[in-house]
N, C-alpha and C. Protein backbone atom coordinates (compact mmCIF):
# COMPACT_ATOMS: atom_id res chain seq x y z
N UNK A 1 -25.89 23.09 33.65
CA UNK A 1 -25.82 21.73 34.03
C UNK A 1 -24.45 21.38 34.51
N UNK A 2 -24.45 20.56 35.61
CA UNK A 2 -23.15 20.21 36.20
C UNK A 2 -22.40 19.16 35.35
N UNK A 3 -21.07 19.12 35.48
CA UNK A 3 -20.27 18.26 34.66
C UNK A 3 -20.60 16.79 34.86
N UNK A 4 -20.97 16.38 36.17
CA UNK A 4 -21.31 14.98 36.45
C UNK A 4 -22.66 14.60 35.84
N UNK A 5 -23.59 15.61 35.88
CA UNK A 5 -24.93 15.31 35.32
C UNK A 5 -24.80 15.15 33.78
N UNK A 6 -23.96 15.99 33.09
CA UNK A 6 -23.79 15.88 31.71
C UNK A 6 -23.16 14.52 31.39
N UNK A 7 -22.16 14.12 32.11
CA UNK A 7 -21.47 12.88 31.90
C UNK A 7 -22.50 11.69 32.07
N UNK A 8 -23.36 11.75 33.06
CA UNK A 8 -24.39 10.74 33.32
C UNK A 8 -25.39 10.60 32.13
N UNK A 9 -25.78 11.77 31.59
CA UNK A 9 -26.71 11.76 30.42
C UNK A 9 -25.97 11.17 29.19
N UNK A 10 -24.72 11.49 29.06
CA UNK A 10 -23.88 11.01 27.92
C UNK A 10 -23.78 9.47 28.00
N UNK A 11 -23.59 8.90 29.21
CA UNK A 11 -23.49 7.52 29.45
C UNK A 11 -24.77 6.81 29.16
N UNK A 12 -25.92 7.46 29.52
CA UNK A 12 -27.24 6.88 29.22
C UNK A 12 -27.44 6.83 27.72
N UNK A 13 -27.10 7.89 26.99
CA UNK A 13 -27.28 7.91 25.57
C UNK A 13 -26.39 6.85 24.87
N UNK A 14 -25.15 6.72 25.34
CA UNK A 14 -24.22 5.74 24.85
C UNK A 14 -24.83 4.29 25.05
N UNK A 15 -25.31 4.06 26.25
CA UNK A 15 -25.89 2.71 26.57
C UNK A 15 -27.13 2.46 25.72
N UNK A 16 -27.92 3.48 25.46
CA UNK A 16 -29.11 3.26 24.62
C UNK A 16 -28.68 2.95 23.16
N UNK A 17 -27.68 3.70 22.66
CA UNK A 17 -27.20 3.45 21.28
C UNK A 17 -26.61 2.06 21.21
N UNK A 18 -25.90 1.68 22.20
CA UNK A 18 -25.29 0.27 22.20
C UNK A 18 -26.42 -0.75 22.23
N UNK A 19 -27.41 -0.50 22.98
CA UNK A 19 -28.55 -1.44 23.06
C UNK A 19 -29.18 -1.52 21.71
N UNK A 20 -29.50 -0.34 21.11
CA UNK A 20 -30.20 -0.35 19.82
C UNK A 20 -29.40 -1.02 18.77
N UNK A 21 -28.08 -0.70 18.71
CA UNK A 21 -27.20 -1.31 17.75
C UNK A 21 -27.11 -2.82 17.89
N UNK A 22 -27.02 -3.22 19.13
CA UNK A 22 -26.95 -4.70 19.38
C UNK A 22 -28.26 -5.39 19.01
N UNK A 23 -29.37 -4.74 19.43
CA UNK A 23 -30.64 -5.29 19.11
C UNK A 23 -30.87 -5.38 17.62
N UNK A 24 -30.48 -4.39 16.88
CA UNK A 24 -30.61 -4.44 15.43
C UNK A 24 -29.78 -5.50 14.83
N UNK A 25 -28.54 -5.66 15.32
CA UNK A 25 -27.70 -6.68 14.77
C UNK A 25 -28.27 -8.12 15.11
N UNK A 26 -28.83 -8.29 16.28
CA UNK A 26 -29.43 -9.59 16.68
C UNK A 26 -30.63 -9.87 15.77
N UNK A 27 -31.47 -8.84 15.59
CA UNK A 27 -32.60 -8.98 14.73
C UNK A 27 -32.24 -9.39 13.29
N UNK A 28 -31.20 -8.69 12.81
CA UNK A 28 -30.69 -9.05 11.47
C UNK A 28 -30.16 -10.49 11.43
N UNK A 29 -29.51 -10.93 12.49
CA UNK A 29 -28.93 -12.28 12.50
C UNK A 29 -30.11 -13.27 12.53
N UNK A 30 -31.13 -12.97 13.47
CA UNK A 30 -32.25 -13.88 13.55
C UNK A 30 -33.02 -13.94 12.25
N UNK A 31 -33.18 -12.84 11.57
CA UNK A 31 -33.95 -12.83 10.35
C UNK A 31 -33.22 -13.56 9.25
N UNK A 32 -31.88 -13.72 9.31
CA UNK A 32 -31.16 -14.38 8.19
C UNK A 32 -30.81 -15.83 8.62
N UNK A 33 -30.99 -16.21 9.87
CA UNK A 33 -30.65 -17.61 10.31
C UNK A 33 -31.57 -18.62 9.71
N UNK A 34 -31.07 -19.56 8.99
CA UNK A 34 -32.01 -20.56 8.37
C UNK A 34 -32.17 -21.72 9.21
N UNK A 35 -31.42 -21.91 10.30
CA UNK A 35 -31.56 -23.13 11.07
C UNK A 35 -32.58 -22.97 12.22
N UNK A 36 -33.13 -21.75 12.41
CA UNK A 36 -34.09 -21.61 13.43
C UNK A 36 -35.44 -22.14 12.99
N UNK A 37 -36.23 -22.77 13.88
CA UNK A 37 -37.55 -23.35 13.52
C UNK A 37 -38.58 -22.23 13.34
N UNK A 38 -39.39 -22.33 12.35
CA UNK A 38 -40.41 -21.39 12.09
C UNK A 38 -41.70 -22.14 12.05
N UNK A 39 -42.76 -21.70 12.65
CA UNK A 39 -43.98 -22.44 12.72
C UNK A 39 -44.50 -22.60 11.31
N UNK A 40 -45.13 -23.77 11.04
CA UNK A 40 -45.53 -24.15 9.70
C UNK A 40 -46.51 -23.29 9.04
N UNK A 41 -47.57 -22.91 9.73
CA UNK A 41 -48.66 -22.18 8.96
C UNK A 41 -48.23 -20.85 8.50
N UNK A 42 -47.18 -20.29 9.10
CA UNK A 42 -46.71 -18.96 8.60
C UNK A 42 -45.68 -19.09 7.51
N UNK A 43 -45.13 -20.33 7.35
CA UNK A 43 -44.06 -20.51 6.37
C UNK A 43 -44.24 -21.52 5.33
N UNK A 44 -45.06 -22.49 5.60
CA UNK A 44 -45.21 -23.69 4.75
C UNK A 44 -46.07 -23.32 3.49
N UNK A 45 -45.55 -23.68 2.32
CA UNK A 45 -46.39 -23.47 1.13
C UNK A 45 -47.60 -24.44 1.00
N UNK A 46 -47.49 -25.57 1.66
CA UNK A 46 -48.58 -26.55 1.72
C UNK A 46 -48.88 -26.89 3.14
N UNK A 47 -50.16 -27.07 3.43
CA UNK A 47 -50.58 -27.43 4.82
C UNK A 47 -51.60 -28.47 4.70
N UNK A 48 -51.47 -29.56 5.50
CA UNK A 48 -52.49 -30.70 5.48
C UNK A 48 -52.61 -31.15 6.84
N UNK A 49 -53.78 -31.57 7.12
CA UNK A 49 -54.19 -32.13 8.52
C UNK A 49 -54.94 -33.44 8.24
N UNK A 50 -54.86 -34.29 9.28
CA UNK A 50 -55.65 -35.52 9.24
C UNK A 50 -56.56 -35.52 10.42
N UNK A 51 -57.82 -35.90 10.22
CA UNK A 51 -58.84 -36.00 11.29
C UNK A 51 -59.47 -37.33 11.37
N UNK A 52 -59.89 -37.67 12.55
CA UNK A 52 -60.89 -38.76 12.76
C UNK A 52 -61.92 -38.23 13.75
N UNK A 53 -63.12 -38.37 13.40
CA UNK A 53 -64.27 -37.90 14.27
C UNK A 53 -64.61 -38.92 15.27
N UNK A 54 -64.49 -38.60 16.54
CA UNK A 54 -64.71 -39.68 17.55
C UNK A 54 -66.20 -40.12 17.69
N UNK A 55 -67.10 -39.34 17.18
CA UNK A 55 -68.59 -39.69 17.26
C UNK A 55 -69.05 -40.44 16.04
N UNK A 56 -68.56 -40.01 14.87
CA UNK A 56 -69.04 -40.60 13.65
C UNK A 56 -68.11 -41.65 13.09
N UNK A 57 -66.86 -41.65 13.47
CA UNK A 57 -65.93 -42.59 12.87
C UNK A 57 -65.36 -42.07 11.61
N UNK A 58 -65.84 -40.95 10.99
CA UNK A 58 -65.37 -40.48 9.69
C UNK A 58 -63.93 -40.02 9.86
N UNK A 59 -63.21 -40.13 8.79
CA UNK A 59 -61.81 -39.74 8.72
C UNK A 59 -61.68 -38.81 7.44
N UNK A 60 -60.71 -37.94 7.59
CA UNK A 60 -60.43 -36.98 6.50
C UNK A 60 -58.90 -36.61 6.50
N UNK A 61 -58.35 -36.69 5.32
CA UNK A 61 -56.97 -36.12 5.09
C UNK A 61 -57.26 -34.80 4.34
N UNK A 62 -56.85 -33.69 4.93
CA UNK A 62 -57.35 -32.38 4.43
C UNK A 62 -56.11 -31.54 4.01
N UNK A 63 -55.73 -31.59 2.75
CA UNK A 63 -54.67 -30.63 2.21
C UNK A 63 -55.34 -29.28 1.94
N UNK A 64 -55.56 -28.56 3.05
CA UNK A 64 -56.43 -27.33 2.96
C UNK A 64 -55.76 -26.08 2.46
N UNK A 65 -54.45 -26.07 2.31
CA UNK A 65 -53.73 -24.87 1.84
C UNK A 65 -52.58 -25.27 0.87
N UNK A 66 -52.58 -24.60 -0.24
CA UNK A 66 -51.46 -24.98 -1.24
C UNK A 66 -51.22 -23.79 -2.13
N UNK A 67 -49.98 -23.51 -2.36
CA UNK A 67 -49.65 -22.42 -3.28
C UNK A 67 -50.07 -21.04 -2.83
N UNK A 68 -50.16 -20.83 -1.57
CA UNK A 68 -50.54 -19.50 -1.04
C UNK A 68 -52.00 -19.28 -0.90
N UNK A 69 -52.87 -20.32 -1.19
CA UNK A 69 -54.28 -20.12 -1.11
C UNK A 69 -54.94 -21.27 -0.40
N UNK A 70 -56.09 -21.02 0.28
CA UNK A 70 -56.86 -22.01 0.90
C UNK A 70 -57.63 -22.81 -0.24
N UNK A 71 -57.72 -24.10 -0.09
CA UNK A 71 -58.48 -24.92 -1.03
C UNK A 71 -59.97 -24.90 -0.74
N UNK A 72 -60.78 -24.27 -1.56
CA UNK A 72 -62.20 -24.23 -1.32
C UNK A 72 -62.84 -25.57 -1.26
N UNK A 73 -62.44 -26.55 -2.19
CA UNK A 73 -63.00 -27.79 -2.15
C UNK A 73 -62.63 -28.64 -0.90
N UNK A 74 -61.49 -28.38 -0.39
CA UNK A 74 -61.01 -29.07 0.79
C UNK A 74 -61.74 -28.47 1.99
N UNK A 75 -61.90 -27.21 2.06
CA UNK A 75 -62.61 -26.52 3.18
C UNK A 75 -64.05 -26.97 3.28
N UNK A 76 -64.67 -27.23 2.14
CA UNK A 76 -66.08 -27.77 2.13
C UNK A 76 -66.10 -29.15 2.79
N UNK A 77 -65.04 -29.95 2.55
CA UNK A 77 -64.97 -31.30 3.23
C UNK A 77 -64.73 -31.18 4.70
N UNK A 78 -63.89 -30.21 5.10
CA UNK A 78 -63.68 -29.91 6.50
C UNK A 78 -64.93 -29.49 7.21
N UNK A 79 -65.70 -28.55 6.54
CA UNK A 79 -66.98 -28.13 7.08
C UNK A 79 -67.91 -29.32 7.31
N UNK A 80 -67.97 -30.18 6.34
CA UNK A 80 -68.76 -31.41 6.47
C UNK A 80 -68.38 -32.27 7.67
N UNK A 81 -67.06 -32.55 7.77
CA UNK A 81 -66.59 -33.40 8.81
C UNK A 81 -66.83 -32.81 10.23
N UNK A 82 -66.67 -31.43 10.30
CA UNK A 82 -66.76 -30.80 11.59
C UNK A 82 -68.21 -30.23 11.83
N UNK A 83 -69.17 -30.80 11.14
CA UNK A 83 -70.55 -30.45 11.36
C UNK A 83 -71.06 -30.88 12.73
N UNK A 84 -72.19 -30.30 13.10
CA UNK A 84 -72.80 -30.69 14.31
C UNK A 84 -73.38 -32.07 14.12
N UNK A 85 -72.73 -33.07 14.69
CA UNK A 85 -73.06 -34.54 14.44
C UNK A 85 -74.41 -34.87 15.00
N UNK A 86 -74.95 -34.07 15.92
CA UNK A 86 -76.27 -34.35 16.55
C UNK A 86 -77.41 -33.92 15.57
N UNK A 87 -77.22 -32.80 14.89
CA UNK A 87 -78.29 -32.29 14.03
C UNK A 87 -77.95 -32.43 12.52
N UNK A 88 -76.70 -32.64 12.25
CA UNK A 88 -76.31 -32.69 10.82
C UNK A 88 -76.07 -31.31 10.20
N UNK A 89 -76.30 -30.29 10.89
CA UNK A 89 -76.03 -29.00 10.41
C UNK A 89 -74.51 -28.66 10.29
N UNK A 90 -74.09 -28.00 9.13
CA UNK A 90 -72.68 -27.68 9.01
C UNK A 90 -72.63 -26.17 8.93
N UNK A 91 -71.42 -25.65 9.12
CA UNK A 91 -71.15 -24.27 9.10
C UNK A 91 -69.70 -24.02 8.56
N UNK A 92 -69.43 -22.89 8.05
CA UNK A 92 -68.10 -22.61 7.57
C UNK A 92 -67.14 -22.54 8.73
N UNK A 93 -66.09 -23.29 8.64
CA UNK A 93 -65.09 -23.39 9.67
C UNK A 93 -63.95 -22.37 9.33
N UNK A 94 -63.60 -21.56 10.38
CA UNK A 94 -62.56 -20.51 10.13
C UNK A 94 -61.24 -21.22 9.74
N UNK A 95 -60.68 -20.90 8.64
CA UNK A 95 -59.42 -21.47 8.20
C UNK A 95 -58.23 -21.15 9.15
N UNK A 96 -58.37 -20.09 9.89
CA UNK A 96 -57.31 -19.77 10.87
C UNK A 96 -57.26 -20.84 11.98
N UNK A 97 -58.39 -21.48 12.27
CA UNK A 97 -58.52 -22.59 13.20
C UNK A 97 -57.61 -23.74 12.72
N UNK A 98 -57.70 -23.99 11.42
CA UNK A 98 -56.90 -25.09 10.85
C UNK A 98 -55.40 -24.73 10.92
N UNK A 99 -55.06 -23.47 10.73
CA UNK A 99 -53.69 -23.06 10.87
C UNK A 99 -53.13 -23.25 12.26
N UNK A 100 -54.03 -23.01 13.29
CA UNK A 100 -53.61 -23.21 14.67
C UNK A 100 -53.31 -24.70 14.88
N UNK A 101 -54.21 -25.60 14.34
CA UNK A 101 -54.00 -27.00 14.46
C UNK A 101 -52.67 -27.45 13.80
N UNK A 102 -52.46 -26.84 12.60
CA UNK A 102 -51.23 -27.20 11.86
C UNK A 102 -50.03 -26.84 12.65
N UNK A 103 -50.00 -25.64 13.28
CA UNK A 103 -48.90 -25.21 14.08
C UNK A 103 -48.73 -26.14 15.32
N UNK A 104 -49.95 -26.52 15.91
CA UNK A 104 -49.82 -27.40 17.03
C UNK A 104 -49.16 -28.74 16.73
N UNK A 105 -49.49 -29.22 15.55
CA UNK A 105 -48.87 -30.51 15.16
C UNK A 105 -47.35 -30.27 14.80
N UNK A 106 -47.01 -29.14 14.34
CA UNK A 106 -45.63 -28.85 14.08
C UNK A 106 -44.88 -28.77 15.38
N UNK A 107 -45.44 -28.03 16.37
CA UNK A 107 -44.79 -27.90 17.71
C UNK A 107 -44.66 -29.31 18.33
N UNK A 108 -45.70 -30.11 18.19
CA UNK A 108 -45.71 -31.40 18.85
C UNK A 108 -44.78 -32.40 18.10
N UNK A 109 -44.45 -32.10 16.85
CA UNK A 109 -43.62 -32.95 16.03
C UNK A 109 -44.16 -34.39 16.05
N UNK A 110 -45.48 -34.46 15.85
CA UNK A 110 -46.19 -35.71 15.99
C UNK A 110 -47.17 -35.87 14.85
N UNK A 111 -46.89 -36.60 13.86
CA UNK A 111 -47.73 -36.75 12.64
C UNK A 111 -48.76 -37.81 12.80
N UNK A 112 -49.88 -37.40 13.54
CA UNK A 112 -50.95 -38.32 13.72
C UNK A 112 -52.24 -37.55 13.51
N UNK A 113 -53.34 -38.20 13.33
CA UNK A 113 -54.61 -37.50 13.08
C UNK A 113 -55.09 -36.80 14.43
N UNK A 114 -55.75 -35.70 14.22
CA UNK A 114 -56.51 -35.08 15.34
C UNK A 114 -57.82 -35.86 15.52
N UNK A 115 -58.03 -36.24 16.76
CA UNK A 115 -59.31 -36.85 17.08
C UNK A 115 -60.27 -35.69 17.47
N UNK A 116 -61.34 -35.62 16.74
CA UNK A 116 -62.29 -34.51 16.92
C UNK A 116 -63.43 -34.96 17.86
N UNK A 117 -63.54 -34.15 18.89
CA UNK A 117 -64.65 -34.38 19.89
C UNK A 117 -65.88 -33.51 19.53
N UNK A 118 -65.54 -32.28 19.18
CA UNK A 118 -66.59 -31.32 18.81
C UNK A 118 -66.03 -30.27 17.87
N UNK A 119 -66.76 -29.99 16.78
CA UNK A 119 -66.37 -28.84 15.88
C UNK A 119 -67.48 -27.80 15.96
N UNK A 120 -68.25 -27.65 14.88
CA UNK A 120 -69.33 -26.70 14.89
C UNK A 120 -70.42 -27.29 15.74
N UNK A 121 -71.10 -26.33 16.46
CA UNK A 121 -72.30 -26.67 17.20
C UNK A 121 -73.45 -25.74 16.79
N UNK A 122 -74.61 -26.31 16.51
CA UNK A 122 -75.79 -25.54 16.16
C UNK A 122 -76.28 -24.86 17.40
N UNK A 123 -77.04 -23.79 17.29
CA UNK A 123 -77.60 -23.19 18.46
C UNK A 123 -78.38 -24.15 19.36
N UNK A 124 -79.16 -25.05 18.70
CA UNK A 124 -79.98 -26.05 19.47
C UNK A 124 -79.09 -26.93 20.26
N UNK A 125 -78.00 -27.47 19.70
CA UNK A 125 -77.09 -28.43 20.42
C UNK A 125 -76.35 -27.63 21.49
N UNK A 126 -75.93 -26.44 21.26
CA UNK A 126 -75.12 -25.68 22.21
C UNK A 126 -76.04 -25.34 23.41
N UNK A 127 -77.27 -24.96 23.16
CA UNK A 127 -78.21 -24.64 24.22
C UNK A 127 -78.47 -25.92 25.11
N UNK A 128 -78.65 -27.02 24.50
CA UNK A 128 -78.87 -28.32 25.24
C UNK A 128 -77.66 -28.66 26.06
N UNK A 129 -76.46 -28.48 25.51
CA UNK A 129 -75.23 -28.83 26.19
C UNK A 129 -75.04 -27.82 27.38
N UNK A 130 -75.33 -26.52 27.14
CA UNK A 130 -75.15 -25.49 28.19
C UNK A 130 -76.04 -25.77 29.42
N UNK A 131 -77.23 -26.26 29.15
CA UNK A 131 -78.12 -26.62 30.30
C UNK A 131 -77.57 -27.77 31.14
N UNK A 132 -76.84 -28.63 30.49
CA UNK A 132 -76.36 -29.82 31.21
C UNK A 132 -74.89 -29.69 31.76
N UNK A 133 -74.20 -28.62 31.37
CA UNK A 133 -72.86 -28.48 31.82
C UNK A 133 -72.41 -27.00 31.93
N UNK A 134 -71.81 -26.70 33.02
CA UNK A 134 -71.29 -25.33 33.22
C UNK A 134 -70.09 -25.03 32.39
N UNK A 135 -69.55 -26.12 31.79
CA UNK A 135 -68.24 -25.89 30.95
C UNK A 135 -68.56 -25.55 29.51
N UNK A 136 -69.90 -25.45 29.22
CA UNK A 136 -70.27 -24.99 27.80
C UNK A 136 -70.81 -23.64 27.85
N UNK A 137 -70.07 -22.76 27.12
CA UNK A 137 -70.38 -21.35 27.07
C UNK A 137 -71.69 -21.06 26.34
N UNK A 138 -72.50 -20.21 26.84
CA UNK A 138 -73.71 -19.89 26.14
C UNK A 138 -73.51 -19.26 24.76
N UNK A 139 -72.43 -18.44 24.62
CA UNK A 139 -72.05 -17.81 23.39
C UNK A 139 -70.78 -18.41 22.87
N UNK A 140 -70.70 -19.74 22.73
CA UNK A 140 -69.56 -20.45 22.44
C UNK A 140 -68.99 -20.15 20.99
N UNK A 141 -67.64 -20.15 20.90
CA UNK A 141 -67.04 -19.93 19.58
C UNK A 141 -67.38 -21.14 18.66
N UNK A 142 -67.87 -22.24 19.20
CA UNK A 142 -68.29 -23.45 18.38
C UNK A 142 -69.47 -23.01 17.49
N UNK A 143 -70.29 -22.04 18.01
CA UNK A 143 -71.49 -21.63 17.21
C UNK A 143 -71.08 -20.87 15.96
N UNK A 144 -69.83 -20.33 15.99
CA UNK A 144 -69.36 -19.52 14.80
C UNK A 144 -68.44 -20.31 13.90
N UNK A 145 -68.23 -21.58 14.17
CA UNK A 145 -67.22 -22.36 13.37
C UNK A 145 -65.75 -21.93 13.68
N UNK A 146 -65.56 -21.35 14.90
CA UNK A 146 -64.28 -20.85 15.26
C UNK A 146 -63.62 -21.66 16.35
N UNK A 147 -64.17 -22.81 16.72
CA UNK A 147 -63.60 -23.57 17.85
C UNK A 147 -63.67 -25.06 17.49
N UNK A 148 -62.75 -25.81 18.13
CA UNK A 148 -62.73 -27.23 17.99
C UNK A 148 -62.15 -27.83 19.26
N UNK A 149 -62.68 -28.99 19.63
CA UNK A 149 -62.25 -29.77 20.77
C UNK A 149 -61.57 -31.04 20.24
N UNK A 150 -60.30 -31.15 20.55
CA UNK A 150 -59.48 -32.30 19.95
C UNK A 150 -58.51 -32.86 20.93
N UNK A 151 -57.98 -33.99 20.48
CA UNK A 151 -56.76 -34.51 21.03
C UNK A 151 -55.95 -35.00 19.86
N UNK A 152 -54.69 -35.15 20.02
CA UNK A 152 -53.84 -35.60 19.00
C UNK A 152 -53.41 -37.05 19.31
N UNK A 153 -53.81 -37.95 18.42
CA UNK A 153 -53.65 -39.37 18.67
C UNK A 153 -52.25 -39.68 19.15
N UNK A 154 -52.17 -40.39 20.38
CA UNK A 154 -50.90 -40.81 20.87
C UNK A 154 -50.01 -39.71 21.46
N UNK A 155 -50.64 -38.58 21.86
CA UNK A 155 -49.86 -37.45 22.32
C UNK A 155 -50.52 -36.87 23.53
N UNK A 156 -49.83 -36.47 24.53
CA UNK A 156 -50.30 -35.91 25.76
C UNK A 156 -51.22 -34.69 25.53
N UNK A 157 -52.50 -34.67 25.99
CA UNK A 157 -53.27 -33.51 25.88
C UNK A 157 -52.80 -32.40 26.72
N UNK A 158 -52.15 -32.72 27.88
CA UNK A 158 -51.60 -31.67 28.79
C UNK A 158 -50.52 -30.86 28.04
N UNK A 159 -49.59 -31.63 27.35
CA UNK A 159 -48.53 -30.97 26.60
C UNK A 159 -49.12 -30.18 25.37
N UNK A 160 -50.12 -30.78 24.73
CA UNK A 160 -50.76 -30.16 23.55
C UNK A 160 -51.41 -28.85 23.98
N UNK A 161 -52.02 -28.80 25.14
CA UNK A 161 -52.61 -27.58 25.64
C UNK A 161 -51.55 -26.54 25.95
N UNK A 162 -50.41 -26.96 26.46
CA UNK A 162 -49.25 -26.05 26.73
C UNK A 162 -48.75 -25.43 25.39
N UNK A 163 -48.68 -26.26 24.36
CA UNK A 163 -48.32 -25.73 23.06
C UNK A 163 -49.29 -24.71 22.54
N UNK A 164 -50.58 -25.05 22.69
CA UNK A 164 -51.61 -24.07 22.27
C UNK A 164 -51.50 -22.75 23.04
N UNK A 165 -51.31 -22.84 24.27
CA UNK A 165 -51.10 -21.59 25.03
C UNK A 165 -49.97 -20.81 24.60
N UNK A 166 -48.83 -21.48 24.24
CA UNK A 166 -47.66 -20.77 23.83
C UNK A 166 -47.85 -20.00 22.51
N UNK A 167 -48.85 -20.41 21.71
CA UNK A 167 -49.13 -19.75 20.47
C UNK A 167 -49.77 -18.36 20.67
N UNK A 168 -50.59 -18.23 21.80
CA UNK A 168 -51.32 -17.02 22.11
C UNK A 168 -52.10 -16.55 20.89
N UNK A 169 -52.88 -17.45 20.29
CA UNK A 169 -53.68 -17.03 19.12
C UNK A 169 -55.13 -17.25 19.31
N UNK A 170 -55.66 -17.34 20.47
CA UNK A 170 -57.08 -17.59 20.73
C UNK A 170 -57.28 -18.18 22.05
N UNK A 171 -58.50 -18.73 22.24
CA UNK A 171 -58.86 -19.39 23.49
C UNK A 171 -58.28 -20.81 23.60
N UNK A 172 -57.84 -21.20 24.76
CA UNK A 172 -57.32 -22.61 24.94
C UNK A 172 -57.86 -23.09 26.28
N UNK A 173 -58.52 -24.20 26.20
CA UNK A 173 -59.11 -24.80 27.41
C UNK A 173 -58.53 -26.23 27.53
N UNK A 174 -58.11 -26.66 28.68
CA UNK A 174 -57.65 -28.09 28.87
C UNK A 174 -58.63 -28.75 29.77
N UNK A 175 -59.16 -29.80 29.29
CA UNK A 175 -60.15 -30.63 30.00
C UNK A 175 -59.50 -31.99 30.30
N UNK A 176 -58.80 -32.09 31.42
CA UNK A 176 -58.00 -33.27 31.75
C UNK A 176 -58.90 -34.48 31.94
N UNK A 177 -60.05 -34.29 32.63
CA UNK A 177 -60.87 -35.46 32.94
C UNK A 177 -61.51 -36.08 31.62
N UNK A 178 -61.76 -35.25 30.63
CA UNK A 178 -62.30 -35.68 29.37
C UNK A 178 -61.20 -35.95 28.35
N UNK A 179 -59.97 -35.54 28.65
CA UNK A 179 -58.82 -35.73 27.82
C UNK A 179 -58.91 -35.08 26.46
N UNK A 180 -59.20 -33.79 26.46
CA UNK A 180 -59.23 -33.05 25.22
C UNK A 180 -58.74 -31.63 25.48
N UNK A 181 -58.44 -30.94 24.35
CA UNK A 181 -58.06 -29.54 24.33
C UNK A 181 -59.00 -28.77 23.49
N UNK A 182 -59.51 -27.67 23.98
CA UNK A 182 -60.37 -26.74 23.19
C UNK A 182 -59.44 -25.68 22.70
N UNK A 183 -59.51 -25.42 21.35
CA UNK A 183 -58.82 -24.21 20.81
C UNK A 183 -59.81 -23.48 19.96
N UNK A 184 -59.72 -22.18 19.96
CA UNK A 184 -60.56 -21.33 19.19
C UNK A 184 -59.77 -20.04 18.66
N UNK A 185 -60.41 -19.41 17.74
CA UNK A 185 -59.74 -18.15 17.15
C UNK A 185 -60.29 -16.88 17.76
N UNK A 186 -60.94 -16.94 18.91
CA UNK A 186 -61.45 -15.77 19.60
C UNK A 186 -60.30 -15.08 20.30
N UNK A 187 -60.71 -14.24 21.29
CA UNK A 187 -59.74 -13.56 22.15
C UNK A 187 -58.80 -14.52 22.82
N UNK A 188 -57.54 -14.11 23.07
CA UNK A 188 -56.65 -14.91 23.81
C UNK A 188 -57.07 -15.05 25.28
N UNK A 189 -57.33 -16.25 25.71
CA UNK A 189 -57.69 -16.55 27.09
C UNK A 189 -57.45 -18.05 27.35
N UNK A 190 -57.24 -18.38 28.63
CA UNK A 190 -56.90 -19.77 28.97
C UNK A 190 -57.78 -20.25 30.13
N UNK A 191 -58.10 -21.49 30.15
CA UNK A 191 -58.81 -22.06 31.32
C UNK A 191 -58.45 -23.58 31.39
């Protein structure tokens, strides 16, 4: 091996070591920095949301997570509020969906209730909506209790949808003409 080639490889190794050393130091700093914002659902010992259902007028303050566990009694109330308002059928709502909403509210720094347009949808309701609108998926996450259509009272839905996209934790749809945001716990995708 030539002297210049050996020196070039030595420089590359030195640069890699410096990069790794600096990256490790930065990671250590970031891990110990207490002033950096951390999203709520991953760090908060208690999580609560407020809802108002736009079709039924029902309201709910939902302290759904406390002391490291989800509150079964509160989740039952959430399931009831987010039922298919057309048929009355309810379904278990994915608690991860509530965590996404909690993190959205934290990002928005806006303590207002979520206005619910649609939570769980029964197969009958989803089929009916699908025949009337190309915007309703035939195999919607709403059918599984893994989707919600909301707006945050007094907050831009356009900005809320941007926050939801930044989380990259499921599907996000922005419906400007209807003024709501769809979020779900399915695959990451945007529309």
